[in-house]
Amino acid sequence: MELKPEKIGEITVVHVTGRIDGTSAEAFSREIRGIVSAGSRRLLLDFSAMPYINSAGLRAILVVAKMLKNPGDRCVLCSLSDEVRGIFELAGFTKILQIYPAVQDAISDW
């Protein structure tokens, strides 16, 4: 799993490559918390290169979303594969997180 943050205006787009599972969820969480702690309060997680996530990864995303609850803060997701979207739907995350088809869709709706 690899994270590549990119600033687009006030939005930090984090491009996630690889799986987020029991092996990588803690590293994902630690890196994302570091990005948020460094001042990124508008976060877009790009999952276009993430083929799989499990419950450990879902927990890590939920922790990040809860960190960004102040006025003006935002955490949204985009570019989920069909398999990953199915996992998010099964867990009920599609009801609590905003999910967009692509990076540009999320940014234009910001």
N, C-alpha and C. Protein backbone atom coordinates (compact mmCIF):
# COMPACT_ATOMS: atom_id res chain seq x y z
N MET A 1 0.84 -1.17 0.00
CA MET A 1 0.00 0.00 0.00
C MET A 1 0.89 1.24 0.00
N GLU A 2 0.54 2.20 -0.84
CA GLU A 2 1.31 3.43 -0.95
C GLU A 2 0.35 4.61 -1.05
N LEU A 3 0.69 5.71 -0.40
CA LEU A 3 -0.11 6.93 -0.45
C LEU A 3 0.71 8.04 -1.11
N LYS A 4 0.06 8.74 -2.05
CA LYS A 4 0.70 9.88 -2.71
C LYS A 4 -0.21 11.09 -2.57
N PRO A 5 0.10 11.98 -1.61
CA PRO A 5 -0.72 13.18 -1.46
C PRO A 5 -0.41 14.21 -2.55
N GLU A 6 -1.45 14.91 -2.97
CA GLU A 6 -1.31 15.96 -3.98
C GLU A 6 -2.24 17.11 -3.58
N LYS A 7 -1.72 18.32 -3.52
CA LYS A 7 -2.53 19.49 -3.18
C LYS A 7 -3.15 20.06 -4.45
N ILE A 8 -4.46 20.23 -4.42
CA ILE A 8 -5.18 20.90 -5.49
C ILE A 8 -5.99 22.00 -4.80
N GLY A 9 -5.45 23.20 -4.83
CA GLY A 9 -6.07 24.29 -4.07
C GLY A 9 -6.00 23.98 -2.59
N GLU A 10 -7.14 24.04 -1.92
CA GLU A 10 -7.21 23.73 -0.49
C GLU A 10 -7.49 22.25 -0.23
N ILE A 11 -7.64 21.48 -1.29
CA ILE A 11 -7.97 20.05 -1.15
C ILE A 11 -6.70 19.22 -1.24
N THR A 12 -6.57 18.26 -0.33
CA THR A 12 -5.48 17.30 -0.42
C THR A 12 -6.05 16.01 -0.99
N VAL A 13 -5.62 15.68 -2.20
CA VAL A 13 -6.02 14.42 -2.83
C VAL A 13 -4.96 13.39 -2.46
N VAL A 14 -5.41 12.29 -1.85
CA VAL A 14 -4.48 11.22 -1.49
C VAL A 14 -4.76 10.05 -2.42
N HIS A 15 -3.82 9.77 -3.31
CA HIS A 15 -3.94 8.65 -4.24
C HIS A 15 -3.44 7.40 -3.53
N VAL A 16 -4.32 6.44 -3.36
CA VAL A 16 -3.99 5.21 -2.65
C VAL A 16 -3.75 4.10 -3.66
N THR A 17 -2.60 3.45 -3.55
CA THR A 17 -2.25 2.34 -4.43
C THR A 17 -2.07 1.09 -3.58
N GLY A 18 -2.71 0.01 -3.97
CA GLY A 18 -2.57 -1.26 -3.26
C GLY A 18 -3.73 -1.52 -2.31
N ARG A 19 -3.63 -2.64 -1.62
CA ARG A 19 -4.68 -3.11 -0.73
C ARG A 19 -4.60 -2.44 0.63
N ILE A 20 -5.78 -2.23 1.24
CA ILE A 20 -5.83 -1.83 2.64
C ILE A 20 -6.50 -2.98 3.37
N ASP A 21 -5.68 -3.72 4.11
CA ASP A 21 -6.17 -4.90 4.83
C ASP A 21 -5.51 -4.94 6.20
N GLY A 22 -5.61 -6.08 6.87
CA GLY A 22 -5.05 -6.21 8.22
C GLY A 22 -3.56 -5.93 8.27
N THR A 23 -2.87 -6.15 7.19
CA THR A 23 -1.42 -5.93 7.14
C THR A 23 -1.08 -4.45 6.96
N SER A 24 -1.87 -3.73 6.20
CA SER A 24 -1.52 -2.35 5.85
C SER A 24 -2.41 -1.28 6.48
N ALA A 25 -3.49 -1.67 7.15
CA ALA A 25 -4.45 -0.69 7.67
C ALA A 25 -3.82 0.26 8.69
N GLU A 26 -2.97 -0.24 9.56
CA GLU A 26 -2.34 0.62 10.57
C GLU A 26 -1.42 1.65 9.91
N ALA A 27 -0.65 1.23 8.92
CA ALA A 27 0.22 2.17 8.20
C ALA A 27 -0.61 3.21 7.46
N PHE A 28 -1.71 2.78 6.83
CA PHE A 28 -2.61 3.71 6.15
C PHE A 28 -3.14 4.74 7.15
N SER A 29 -3.63 4.26 8.26
CA SER A 29 -4.19 5.14 9.29
C SER A 29 -3.15 6.13 9.80
N ARG A 30 -1.97 5.65 10.08
CA ARG A 30 -0.88 6.50 10.59
C ARG A 30 -0.51 7.59 9.58
N GLU A 31 -0.39 7.21 8.31
CA GLU A 31 -0.02 8.19 7.28
C GLU A 31 -1.12 9.23 7.07
N ILE A 32 -2.37 8.79 7.04
CA ILE A 32 -3.49 9.72 6.85
C ILE A 32 -3.61 10.65 8.06
N ARG A 33 -3.48 10.11 9.26
CA ARG A 33 -3.52 10.97 10.46
C ARG A 33 -2.42 12.01 10.40
N GLY A 34 -1.25 11.64 9.90
CA GLY A 34 -0.15 12.59 9.75
C GLY A 34 -0.49 13.70 8.77
N ILE A 35 -1.13 13.35 7.67
CA ILE A 35 -1.55 14.35 6.67
C ILE A 35 -2.56 15.31 7.29
N VAL A 36 -3.52 14.78 8.03
CA VAL A 36 -4.54 15.62 8.67
C VAL A 36 -3.90 16.48 9.75
N SER A 37 -3.04 15.90 10.56
CA SER A 37 -2.37 16.65 11.64
C SER A 37 -1.49 17.77 11.09
N ALA A 38 -0.98 17.59 9.87
CA ALA A 38 -0.14 18.62 9.24
C ALA A 38 -0.98 19.78 8.69
N GLY A 39 -2.30 19.68 8.81
CA GLY A 39 -3.15 20.81 8.41
C GLY A 39 -4.09 20.55 7.27
N SER A 40 -4.09 19.39 6.69
CA SER A 40 -5.01 19.08 5.58
C SER A 40 -6.38 18.73 6.17
N ARG A 41 -7.30 19.63 6.05
CA ARG A 41 -8.64 19.44 6.63
C ARG A 41 -9.71 19.17 5.57
N ARG A 42 -9.29 19.18 4.30
CA ARG A 42 -10.19 18.84 3.19
C ARG A 42 -9.51 17.72 2.42
N LEU A 43 -10.00 16.51 2.65
CA LEU A 43 -9.32 15.32 2.19
C LEU A 43 -10.16 14.58 1.17
N LEU A 44 -9.54 14.24 0.04
CA LEU A 44 -10.17 13.42 -0.99
C LEU A 44 -9.33 12.17 -1.17
N LEU A 45 -9.90 11.03 -0.84
CA LEU A 45 -9.19 9.76 -0.96
C LEU A 45 -9.52 9.14 -2.32
N ASP A 46 -8.51 9.05 -3.17
CA ASP A 46 -8.66 8.49 -4.52
C ASP A 46 -8.30 7.02 -4.49
N PHE A 47 -9.30 6.16 -4.66
CA PHE A 47 -9.11 4.72 -4.57
C PHE A 47 -9.07 4.05 -5.95
N SER A 48 -8.73 4.80 -6.99
CA SER A 48 -8.73 4.23 -8.34
C SER A 48 -7.71 3.10 -8.50
N ALA A 49 -6.66 3.09 -7.68
CA ALA A 49 -5.64 2.03 -7.77
C ALA A 49 -5.65 1.14 -6.53
N MET A 50 -6.80 1.07 -5.86
CA MET A 50 -6.94 0.22 -4.68
C MET A 50 -7.92 -0.92 -5.01
N PRO A 51 -7.42 -2.13 -5.19
CA PRO A 51 -8.28 -3.22 -5.62
C PRO A 51 -9.07 -3.90 -4.49
N TYR A 52 -8.69 -3.66 -3.23
CA TYR A 52 -9.31 -4.42 -2.14
C TYR A 52 -9.20 -3.66 -0.83
N ILE A 53 -10.24 -3.80 -0.01
CA ILE A 53 -10.23 -3.27 1.36
C ILE A 53 -11.01 -4.25 2.23
N ASN A 54 -10.58 -4.40 3.48
CA ASN A 54 -11.34 -5.25 4.39
C ASN A 54 -11.80 -4.43 5.58
N SER A 55 -12.31 -5.08 6.62
CA SER A 55 -12.87 -4.37 7.77
C SER A 55 -11.83 -3.52 8.49
N ALA A 56 -10.58 -3.96 8.53
CA ALA A 56 -9.53 -3.16 9.16
C ALA A 56 -9.33 -1.84 8.39
N GLY A 57 -9.39 -1.90 7.08
CA GLY A 57 -9.28 -0.70 6.27
C GLY A 57 -10.49 0.21 6.43
N LEU A 58 -11.68 -0.38 6.52
CA LEU A 58 -12.88 0.42 6.74
C LEU A 58 -12.81 1.16 8.06
N ARG A 59 -12.32 0.48 9.10
CA ARG A 59 -12.16 1.14 10.41
C ARG A 59 -11.21 2.32 10.30
N ALA A 60 -10.11 2.16 9.57
CA ALA A 60 -9.13 3.23 9.42
C ALA A 60 -9.76 4.44 8.72
N ILE A 61 -10.58 4.20 7.71
CA ILE A 61 -11.25 5.29 7.01
C ILE A 61 -12.26 5.98 7.93
N LEU A 62 -12.96 5.21 8.73
CA LEU A 62 -13.93 5.78 9.66
C LEU A 62 -13.24 6.68 10.69
N VAL A 63 -12.06 6.27 11.17
CA VAL A 63 -11.30 7.08 12.12
C VAL A 63 -10.93 8.42 11.48
N VAL A 64 -10.48 8.38 10.24
CA VAL A 64 -10.10 9.61 9.54
C VAL A 64 -11.33 10.51 9.36
N ALA A 65 -12.44 9.93 8.94
CA ALA A 65 -13.66 10.72 8.73
C ALA A 65 -14.09 11.38 10.04
N LYS A 66 -13.96 10.68 11.15
CA LYS A 66 -14.34 11.25 12.46
C LYS A 66 -13.39 12.37 12.88
N MET A 67 -12.14 12.31 12.44
CA MET A 67 -11.19 13.38 12.74
C MET A 67 -11.58 14.69 12.05
N LEU A 68 -12.29 14.59 10.95
CA LEU A 68 -12.62 15.75 10.13
C LEU A 68 -14.09 16.14 10.29
N LYS A 69 -14.47 16.48 11.49
CA LYS A 69 -15.86 16.80 11.79
C LYS A 69 -16.09 18.27 12.13
N ASN A 70 -15.04 19.10 12.12
CA ASN A 70 -15.22 20.52 12.41
C ASN A 70 -15.81 21.23 11.20
N PRO A 71 -16.44 22.40 11.41
CA PRO A 71 -16.97 23.16 10.27
C PRO A 71 -15.86 23.43 9.25
N GLY A 72 -16.15 23.18 8.00
CA GLY A 72 -15.17 23.38 6.93
C GLY A 72 -14.35 22.14 6.62
N ASP A 73 -14.29 21.19 7.54
CA ASP A 73 -13.58 19.94 7.31
C ASP A 73 -14.40 19.05 6.39
N ARG A 74 -13.71 18.19 5.65
CA ARG A 74 -14.44 17.27 4.77
C ARG A 74 -13.54 16.11 4.38
N CYS A 75 -14.11 14.91 4.36
CA CYS A 75 -13.42 13.72 3.88
C CYS A 75 -14.35 13.01 2.91
N VAL A 76 -13.93 12.91 1.65
CA VAL A 76 -14.74 12.24 0.64
C VAL A 76 -13.88 11.22 -0.09
N LEU A 77 -14.53 10.29 -0.76
CA LEU A 77 -13.85 9.22 -1.47
C LEU A 77 -14.22 9.28 -2.95
N CYS A 78 -13.37 8.71 -3.79
CA CYS A 78 -13.72 8.62 -5.21
C CYS A 78 -13.05 7.41 -5.85
N SER A 79 -13.58 7.08 -7.01
CA SER A 79 -13.01 6.08 -7.91
C SER A 79 -12.92 4.68 -7.29
N LEU A 80 -14.00 4.24 -6.67
CA LEU A 80 -14.03 2.90 -6.10
C LEU A 80 -14.29 1.86 -7.19
N SER A 81 -13.54 0.77 -7.16
CA SER A 81 -13.82 -0.34 -8.07
C SER A 81 -15.16 -0.96 -7.68
N ASP A 82 -15.73 -1.77 -8.53
CA ASP A 82 -17.01 -2.42 -8.23
C ASP A 82 -16.90 -3.27 -6.96
N GLU A 83 -15.79 -3.99 -6.81
CA GLU A 83 -15.61 -4.85 -5.63
C GLU A 83 -15.52 -4.01 -4.35
N VAL A 84 -14.73 -2.95 -4.40
CA VAL A 84 -14.56 -2.09 -3.23
C VAL A 84 -15.88 -1.38 -2.91
N ARG A 85 -16.58 -0.91 -3.93
CA ARG A 85 -17.88 -0.27 -3.71
C ARG A 85 -18.85 -1.25 -3.03
N GLY A 86 -18.83 -2.50 -3.46
CA GLY A 86 -19.68 -3.51 -2.84
C GLY A 86 -19.39 -3.69 -1.36
N ILE A 87 -18.12 -3.67 -0.99
CA ILE A 87 -17.74 -3.78 0.41
C ILE A 87 -18.23 -2.57 1.19
N PHE A 88 -18.08 -1.37 0.62
CA PHE A 88 -18.57 -0.15 1.28
C PHE A 88 -20.08 -0.19 1.44
N GLU A 89 -20.79 -0.68 0.42
CA GLU A 89 -22.25 -0.77 0.51
C GLU A 89 -22.68 -1.77 1.57
N LEU A 90 -22.03 -2.92 1.59
CA LEU A 90 -22.35 -3.96 2.56
C LEU A 90 -22.15 -3.47 3.99
N ALA A 91 -21.11 -2.67 4.21
CA ALA A 91 -20.81 -2.14 5.54
C ALA A 91 -21.65 -0.91 5.89
N GLY A 92 -22.41 -0.40 4.93
CA GLY A 92 -23.24 0.79 5.17
C GLY A 92 -22.48 2.10 5.06
N PHE A 93 -21.26 2.06 4.57
CA PHE A 93 -20.44 3.27 4.48
C PHE A 93 -20.91 4.22 3.39
N THR A 94 -21.64 3.71 2.40
CA THR A 94 -22.12 4.59 1.33
C THR A 94 -23.19 5.55 1.86
N LYS A 95 -23.73 5.26 3.04
CA LYS A 95 -24.73 6.14 3.64
C LYS A 95 -24.11 7.21 4.51
N ILE A 96 -22.86 7.01 4.93
CA ILE A 96 -22.24 7.97 5.84
C ILE A 96 -21.08 8.74 5.22
N LEU A 97 -20.58 8.29 4.07
CA LEU A 97 -19.48 8.97 3.39
C LEU A 97 -19.91 9.36 1.98
N GLN A 98 -19.43 10.50 1.51
CA GLN A 98 -19.70 10.90 0.14
C GLN A 98 -18.71 10.21 -0.78
N ILE A 99 -19.24 9.62 -1.84
CA ILE A 99 -18.41 8.89 -2.80
C ILE A 99 -18.71 9.41 -4.20
N TYR A 100 -17.65 9.73 -4.92
CA TYR A 100 -17.77 10.28 -6.26
C TYR A 100 -17.15 9.32 -7.27
N PRO A 101 -17.58 9.41 -8.54
CA PRO A 101 -17.03 8.52 -9.57
C PRO A 101 -15.55 8.77 -9.87
N ALA A 102 -15.10 10.04 -9.79
CA ALA A 102 -13.72 10.38 -10.16
C ALA A 102 -13.26 11.61 -9.38
N VAL A 103 -11.95 11.85 -9.39
CA VAL A 103 -11.34 12.98 -8.68
C VAL A 103 -12.00 14.28 -9.12
N GLN A 104 -12.10 14.52 -10.42
CA GLN A 104 -12.64 15.78 -10.93
C GLN A 104 -14.10 16.00 -10.50
N ASP A 105 -14.88 14.92 -10.41
CA ASP A 105 -16.28 15.05 -9.96
C ASP A 105 -16.31 15.55 -8.51
N ALA A 106 -15.47 15.00 -7.67
CA ALA A 106 -15.43 15.42 -6.27
C ALA A 106 -14.97 16.86 -6.14
N ILE A 107 -13.91 17.22 -6.86
CA ILE A 107 -13.37 18.57 -6.77
C ILE A 107 -14.39 19.60 -7.27
N SER A 108 -15.06 19.31 -8.38
CA SER A 108 -16.01 20.26 -8.92
C SER A 108 -17.22 20.42 -8.01
N ASP A 109 -17.53 19.42 -7.19
CA ASP A 109 -18.67 19.48 -6.27
C ASP A 109 -18.29 20.07 -4.92
N TRP A 110 -17.00 20.32 -4.72
CA TRP A 110 -16.53 20.80 -3.43
C TRP A 110 -17.18 22.12 -3.12
